[in-house]
Amino acid sequence: MVNKKTRNIILIVLSVLMISGSLVYYFNYQIKIARLDYEAKILDLSQKTAENLQTLKTSVEQLGINLSTQIGLVDVNLQNFKKQNQQEINTLSNLIDEIERQSDIKLSELKDELKDIRIKSADFSAIVDDVLQSVVSVKTNAGQGSGAIIDRKGYVVTNVHVINGASGVKVITYSGNTYDANTLVGYDENADIAVLKINAPDLRALDFGDSDEVKVGEKVIAAGNPAGLAFTVTEGIVSAFRTAQNNIKYIQTDVPINPGNSGGPLINTKGEIVGINNFKVGGFEGLGFAISSNHVRSVVSKIISDYEAKQKQ
């Protein structure tokens, strides 16, 4: 038989165990409830975060699309503006160029007309002053002749027979300056054409005219140094055209071609070279001959081209 004291102890122990078990169950239940609540809140937070991120992504993408569109529109507008602006600038530039070109043409035409008027009225000073700036005297130890500056680089055309046999050549310009012309660029003995070169500043050159357009009866001027009289101009007309056995076309004129005139230019009313004075028939007055400018230009072009090609080698 369990005494009363022992039974009381057992009851107390059982009570304690029951209370402890209840407490453990209670705490375990509260922990479970708390965990479920935490997990629910975490899940809800995760869902909201995902939704917010998606919304933000959509907004950013839309903003990017709108921004890209706006940038594209701005770029297109800018390009159109640049294109339109450039077109307007080009149009204005072309208009200015055209005005300048037309002005130059009209001024040039007006000057030519004035020269023609003065020449037709027997006043050749309109071209003489310009022509003589490009005429030179060619002096050698063997004699004297004439020449014409045909390029501002210093190329001078004359006759071969003017410099033939010379050991030294000097060129005297209209301004009175003397230059050594020992550089023989080249020559064509058959055509009696030689090209010299001088190193001189501020040269003025004559242009070649089209000798095929020269007419019989047309007024021409021979410029040179006849009989040692430097820088003389003599008026005459074209008498005829002759082709020699060497197939060179000559312009026959009544302009006196005297010693010293050889190699000088025969000039038309436009101030262009239409021939290079070459010789006269002995015993006859007013029977001079000049090598046609078209033939001279062809010979001179080849001589200079060959010379410059060698200089580049």
Protein backbone atom coordinates (compact mmCIF):
# COMPACT_ATOMS: atom_id res chain seq x y z
CA MET A 1 0.00 0.00 0.00
CA VAL A 2 1.30 3.39 -1.00
CA ASN A 3 1.17 5.71 1.85
CA LYS A 4 -0.45 9.06 1.53
CA LYS A 5 2.78 10.99 1.41
CA THR A 6 4.12 8.97 -1.47
CA ARG A 7 0.85 9.27 -3.33
CA ASN A 8 0.93 13.05 -2.99
CA ILE A 9 4.46 13.12 -4.36
CA ILE A 10 3.45 11.01 -7.31
CA LEU A 11 0.49 13.30 -7.98
CA ILE A 12 2.73 16.33 -7.82
CA VAL A 13 5.21 14.75 -10.28
CA LEU A 14 2.41 13.79 -12.64
CA SER A 15 1.01 17.31 -12.44
CA VAL A 16 4.38 18.74 -13.20
CA LEU A 17 4.84 16.42 -16.19
CA MET A 18 1.39 17.28 -17.53
CA ILE A 19 2.04 21.00 -17.15
CA SER A 20 5.45 20.63 -18.83
CA GLY A 21 3.92 18.70 -21.70
CA SER A 22 1.23 21.30 -22.13
CA LEU A 23 3.79 24.07 -22.14
CA VAL A 24 5.93 22.27 -24.76
CA TYR A 25 2.89 21.68 -26.93
CA TYR A 26 1.82 25.29 -26.52
CA PHE A 27 5.23 26.68 -27.42
CA ASN A 28 5.55 24.30 -30.38
CA TYR A 29 2.16 25.39 -31.65
CA GLN A 30 2.99 29.10 -31.27
CA ILE A 31 6.28 28.57 -33.12
CA LYS A 32 4.42 26.80 -35.94
CA ILE A 33 1.86 29.59 -36.15
CA ALA A 34 4.64 32.19 -36.19
CA ARG A 35 6.55 30.28 -38.91
CA LEU A 36 3.47 29.97 -41.11
CA ASP A 37 2.73 33.66 -40.65
CA TYR A 38 6.36 34.55 -41.49
CA GLU A 39 6.33 32.33 -44.57
CA ALA A 40 3.04 33.87 -45.72
CA LYS A 41 4.43 37.38 -45.28
CA ILE A 42 7.67 36.46 -47.10
CA LEU A 43 5.65 34.94 -49.98
CA ASP A 44 3.44 38.02 -50.18
CA LEU A 45 6.47 40.29 -50.07
CA SER A 46 8.17 38.25 -52.80
CA GLN A 47 5.08 38.44 -55.01
CA LYS A 48 4.74 42.18 -54.51
CA THR A 49 8.44 42.67 -55.16
CA ALA A 50 8.20 40.62 -58.37
CA GLU A 51 5.15 42.61 -59.44
CA ASN A 52 6.88 45.91 -58.67
CA LEU A 53 9.98 44.81 -60.56
CA GLN A 54 7.89 43.81 -63.57
CA THR A 55 6.02 47.11 -63.43
CA LEU A 56 9.34 48.97 -63.17
CA LYS A 57 10.80 46.96 -66.05
CA THR A 58 7.78 47.70 -68.21
CA SER A 59 7.97 51.38 -67.33
CA VAL A 60 11.71 51.49 -68.12
CA GLU A 61 11.21 49.68 -71.41
CA GLN A 62 8.39 52.03 -72.35
CA LEU A 63 10.49 54.99 -71.33
CA GLY A 64 13.37 53.64 -73.42
CA ILE A 65 11.08 53.19 -76.42
CA ASN A 66 9.69 56.69 -76.03
CA LEU A 67 13.16 58.14 -75.50
CA SER A 68 14.52 56.26 -78.52
CA THR A 69 11.61 57.49 -80.59
CA GLN A 70 12.17 61.06 -79.44
CA ILE A 71 15.89 60.81 -80.13
CA GLY A 72 15.14 59.37 -83.57
CA LEU A 73 12.77 62.21 -84.33
CA VAL A 74 15.29 64.77 -83.14
CA ASP A 75 18.02 63.14 -85.24
CA VAL A 76 15.79 63.05 -88.32
CA ASN A 77 14.84 66.68 -87.82
CA LEU A 78 18.48 67.61 -87.32
CA GLN A 79 19.56 65.76 -90.45
CA ASN A 80 16.75 67.37 -92.45
CA PHE A 81 17.79 70.76 -91.11
CA LYS A 82 21.44 70.14 -92.00
CA LYS A 83 20.47 68.91 -95.47
CA GLN A 84 18.19 71.87 -96.08
CA ASN A 85 20.77 74.27 -94.69
CA GLN A 86 23.50 72.74 -96.87
CA GLN A 87 21.27 72.93 -99.92
CA GLU A 88 20.58 76.59 -99.22
CA ILE A 89 24.30 77.24 -98.74
CA ASN A 90 25.13 75.40 -101.97
CA THR A 91 22.41 77.27 -103.83
CA LEU A 92 23.69 80.58 -102.52
CA SER A 93 27.30 79.64 -103.31
CA ASN A 94 26.38 78.56 -106.83
CA LEU A 95 24.44 81.78 -107.29
CA ILE A 96 27.44 83.83 -106.17
CA ASP A 97 29.75 81.82 -108.46
CA GLU A 98 27.36 82.28 -111.36
CA ILE A 99 27.12 86.03 -110.74
CA GLU A 100 30.91 86.26 -110.58
CA ARG A 101 31.29 84.12 -113.69
CA GLN A 102 28.75 86.12 -115.64
CA SER A 103 30.34 89.34 -114.42
CA ASP A 104 33.77 88.13 -115.52
CA ILE A 105 32.39 87.08 -118.89
CA LYS A 106 30.64 90.36 -119.40
CA LEU A 107 33.67 92.36 -118.29
CA SER A 108 35.93 90.25 -120.51
CA GLU A 109 33.55 90.63 -123.44
CA LEU A 110 33.32 94.36 -122.82
CA LYS A 111 37.11 94.70 -122.72
CA ASP A 112 37.43 92.70 -125.95
CA GLU A 113 34.77 94.85 -127.60
CA LEU A 114 36.54 98.02 -126.51
CA LYS A 115 39.82 96.68 -127.85
CA ASP A 116 38.18 95.75 -131.16
CA ILE A 117 36.66 99.21 -131.42
CA ARG A 118 40.00 100.89 -130.79
CA ILE A 119 41.84 98.53 -133.16
CA LYS A 120 39.29 99.02 -135.94
CA SER A 121 39.78 102.73 -135.51
CA ALA A 122 43.54 102.18 -136.04
CA ASP A 123 44.37 102.64 -132.33
CA PHE A 124 46.40 99.55 -131.43
CA SER A 125 47.51 100.81 -128.04
CA ALA A 126 44.73 98.76 -126.45
CA ILE A 127 46.71 95.57 -127.03
CA VAL A 128 50.22 96.80 -127.71
CA ASP A 129 50.92 97.64 -124.07
CA ASP A 130 49.77 94.17 -123.00
CA VAL A 131 51.55 92.32 -125.81
CA LEU A 132 54.95 93.96 -125.30
CA GLN A 133 54.95 92.84 -121.64
CA SER A 134 55.35 89.29 -122.97
CA VAL A 135 57.80 89.98 -125.82
CA VAL A 136 61.52 89.47 -125.19
CA SER A 137 64.77 90.21 -126.93
CA VAL A 138 66.99 87.17 -127.41
CA LYS A 139 70.68 88.04 -127.54
CA THR A 140 73.55 85.65 -128.19
CA ASN A 141 77.24 86.01 -128.88
CA ALA A 142 76.36 85.35 -132.52
CA GLY A 143 73.42 87.68 -133.06
CA GLN A 144 70.01 88.86 -131.92
CA GLY A 145 66.37 87.87 -132.36
CA SER A 146 63.04 87.97 -130.60
CA GLY A 147 60.87 85.65 -128.54
CA ALA A 148 57.60 85.41 -126.68
CA ILE A 149 56.87 84.33 -123.12
CA ILE A 150 54.27 81.57 -123.41
CA ASP A 151 54.10 80.44 -119.79
CA ARG A 152 54.57 82.20 -116.45
CA LYS A 153 56.96 79.39 -115.49
CA GLY A 154 59.50 81.13 -117.72
CA TYR A 155 59.14 79.25 -121.02
CA VAL A 156 60.12 81.37 -124.04
CA VAL A 157 59.54 80.39 -127.67
CA THR A 158 61.85 81.59 -130.45
CA ASN A 159 63.42 80.31 -133.69
CA VAL A 160 66.16 77.70 -133.73
CA HIS A 161 68.21 79.82 -136.14
CA VAL A 162 68.20 82.70 -133.60
CA ILE A 163 70.23 80.67 -131.07
CA ASN A 164 72.00 78.28 -133.45
CA GLY A 165 75.74 78.16 -132.79
CA ALA A 166 75.53 80.40 -129.71
CA SER A 167 77.65 79.67 -126.66
CA GLY A 168 75.56 81.89 -124.42
CA VAL A 169 72.00 83.19 -124.55
CA LYS A 170 70.44 86.07 -122.67
CA VAL A 171 66.82 87.16 -122.58
CA ILE A 172 65.88 90.79 -122.05
CA THR A 173 62.33 91.56 -120.95
CA TYR A 174 60.27 94.63 -121.77
CA SER A 175 60.98 95.97 -118.28
CA GLY A 176 64.70 95.95 -119.12
CA ASN A 177 65.74 93.02 -116.93
CA THR A 178 68.29 90.60 -118.35
CA TYR A 179 68.25 86.87 -117.58
CA ASP A 180 70.52 83.99 -118.53
CA ALA A 181 68.68 81.59 -120.81
CA ASN A 182 71.23 78.83 -121.04
CA THR A 183 68.52 76.25 -120.35
CA LEU A 184 67.49 74.95 -123.74
CA VAL A 185 64.24 73.14 -123.00
CA GLY A 186 64.17 71.64 -126.48
CA TYR A 187 63.87 72.38 -130.16
CA ASP A 188 62.46 71.17 -133.47
CA GLU A 189 64.93 72.01 -136.20
CA ASN A 190 62.50 71.06 -138.96
CA ALA A 191 59.93 73.55 -137.67
CA ASP A 192 62.64 76.07 -136.66
CA ILE A 193 61.10 76.27 -133.17
CA ALA A 194 63.11 76.37 -129.93
CA VAL A 195 62.01 76.74 -126.31
CA LEU A 196 64.20 78.46 -123.70
CA LYS A 197 63.61 78.82 -119.96
CA ILE A 198 64.38 81.72 -117.66
CA ASN A 199 63.94 82.10 -113.92
CA ALA A 200 62.14 85.39 -113.47
CA PRO A 201 59.31 86.63 -111.22
CA ASP A 202 56.01 88.18 -112.24
CA LEU A 203 56.11 87.11 -115.87
CA ARG A 204 53.18 87.77 -118.17
CA ALA A 205 52.51 85.20 -120.89
CA LEU A 206 50.77 85.35 -124.25
CA ASP A 207 48.12 82.82 -125.22
CA PHE A 208 48.06 80.95 -128.50
CA GLY A 209 45.16 81.77 -130.80
CA ASP A 210 43.64 79.40 -133.36
CA SER A 211 45.50 80.04 -136.62
CA ASP A 212 42.84 78.09 -138.53
CA GLU A 213 40.42 80.92 -137.77
CA VAL A 214 42.70 83.61 -139.22
CA LYS A 215 41.31 85.14 -142.41
CA VAL A 216 43.06 86.69 -145.37
CA GLY A 217 42.92 90.46 -145.00
CA GLU A 218 42.80 90.26 -141.20
CA LYS A 219 44.89 92.79 -139.34
CA VAL A 220 47.92 91.45 -137.48
CA ILE A 221 50.86 92.94 -135.62
CA ALA A 222 54.46 91.70 -135.54
CA ALA A 223 56.27 92.39 -132.28
CA GLY A 224 59.99 92.07 -131.82
CA ASN A 225 63.34 93.74 -132.31
CA PRO A 226 63.76 94.54 -136.03
CA ALA A 227 67.23 95.86 -136.86
CA GLY A 228 68.05 95.90 -133.14
CA LEU A 229 65.26 98.35 -132.35
CA ALA A 230 63.96 96.71 -129.19
CA PHE A 231 60.25 96.12 -128.64
CA THR A 232 58.86 97.44 -131.87
CA VAL A 233 55.37 96.74 -133.17
CA THR A 234 54.58 96.74 -136.88
CA GLU A 235 51.08 96.56 -138.35
CA GLY A 236 50.06 94.61 -141.41
CA ILE A 237 47.51 92.21 -142.80
CA VAL A 238 47.39 88.52 -143.59
CA SER A 239 48.12 88.12 -147.31
CA ALA A 240 47.80 84.35 -147.79
CA PHE A 241 48.51 80.90 -146.33
CA ARG A 242 51.33 78.68 -147.57
CA THR A 243 52.22 75.07 -146.83
CA ALA A 244 55.88 74.21 -147.29
CA GLN A 245 57.39 70.91 -148.36
CA ASN A 246 57.99 70.06 -144.71
CA ASN A 247 54.17 70.22 -144.21
CA ILE A 248 54.46 73.29 -142.03
CA LYS A 249 51.71 75.87 -142.54
CA TYR A 250 52.89 79.46 -142.83
CA ILE A 251 50.98 82.69 -142.63
CA GLN A 252 52.08 85.13 -145.30
CA THR A 253 51.85 88.78 -144.26
CA ASP A 254 52.85 92.16 -145.60
CA VAL A 255 54.43 92.91 -142.23
CA PRO A 256 58.17 93.48 -142.70
CA ILE A 257 60.11 90.60 -141.13
CA ASN A 258 63.56 92.13 -140.66
CA PRO A 259 66.65 90.78 -138.88
CA GLY A 260 65.81 90.79 -135.20
CA ASN A 261 62.11 90.10 -135.78
CA SER A 262 62.68 86.36 -136.09
CA GLY A 263 61.19 84.39 -133.23
CA GLY A 264 58.83 87.19 -132.23
CA PRO A 265 55.04 86.75 -132.12
CA LEU A 266 52.52 87.60 -134.82
CA ILE A 267 49.50 88.92 -132.93
CA ASN A 268 45.80 89.12 -133.84
CA THR A 269 43.37 91.77 -132.68
CA LYS A 270 42.61 89.74 -129.53
CA GLY A 271 46.21 89.91 -128.39
CA GLU A 272 46.80 86.22 -129.12
CA ILE A 273 49.73 84.58 -130.88
CA VAL A 274 48.64 83.41 -134.34
CA GLY A 275 52.16 82.83 -135.61
CA ILE A 276 55.88 83.02 -134.85
CA ASN A 277 57.72 85.33 -137.25
CA ASN A 278 60.21 83.27 -139.21
CA PHE A 279 61.65 84.79 -142.37
CA LYS A 280 61.17 87.11 -145.31
CA VAL A 281 61.85 86.52 -148.97
CA GLY A 282 64.99 88.41 -149.90
CA GLY A 283 64.61 91.22 -152.40
CA PHE A 284 60.89 91.55 -151.81
CA GLU A 285 59.21 94.03 -149.53
CA GLY A 286 56.05 93.10 -147.68
CA LEU A 287 56.62 89.38 -148.11
CA GLY A 288 57.10 87.93 -144.65
CA PHE A 289 56.20 84.52 -143.25
CA ALA A 290 55.25 83.29 -139.79
CA ILE A 291 54.86 79.70 -138.60
CA SER A 292 51.15 79.15 -137.83
CA SER A 293 50.31 79.13 -134.13
CA ASN A 294 48.57 75.76 -134.23
CA HIS A 295 51.76 74.12 -135.48
CA VAL A 296 53.90 76.06 -133.00
CA ARG A 297 51.61 75.13 -130.09
CA SER A 298 51.80 71.44 -131.01
CA VAL A 299 55.60 71.47 -131.22
CA VAL A 300 56.02 73.54 -128.06
CA SER A 301 53.62 71.39 -126.02
CA LYS A 302 55.61 68.25 -126.83
CA ILE A 303 58.95 69.93 -126.10
CA ILE A 304 57.79 71.18 -122.69
CA SER A 305 56.02 67.93 -121.83
CA ASP A 306 59.17 65.88 -122.57
CA TYR A 307 61.33 68.34 -120.62
CA GLU A 308 59.11 68.31 -117.51
CA ALA A 309 58.88 64.50 -117.63
CA LYS A 310 62.69 64.27 -117.54
CA GLN A 311 62.85 66.74 -114.65
CA LYS A 312 60.58 64.47 -112.56
CA GLN A 313 62.78 61.41 -113.11
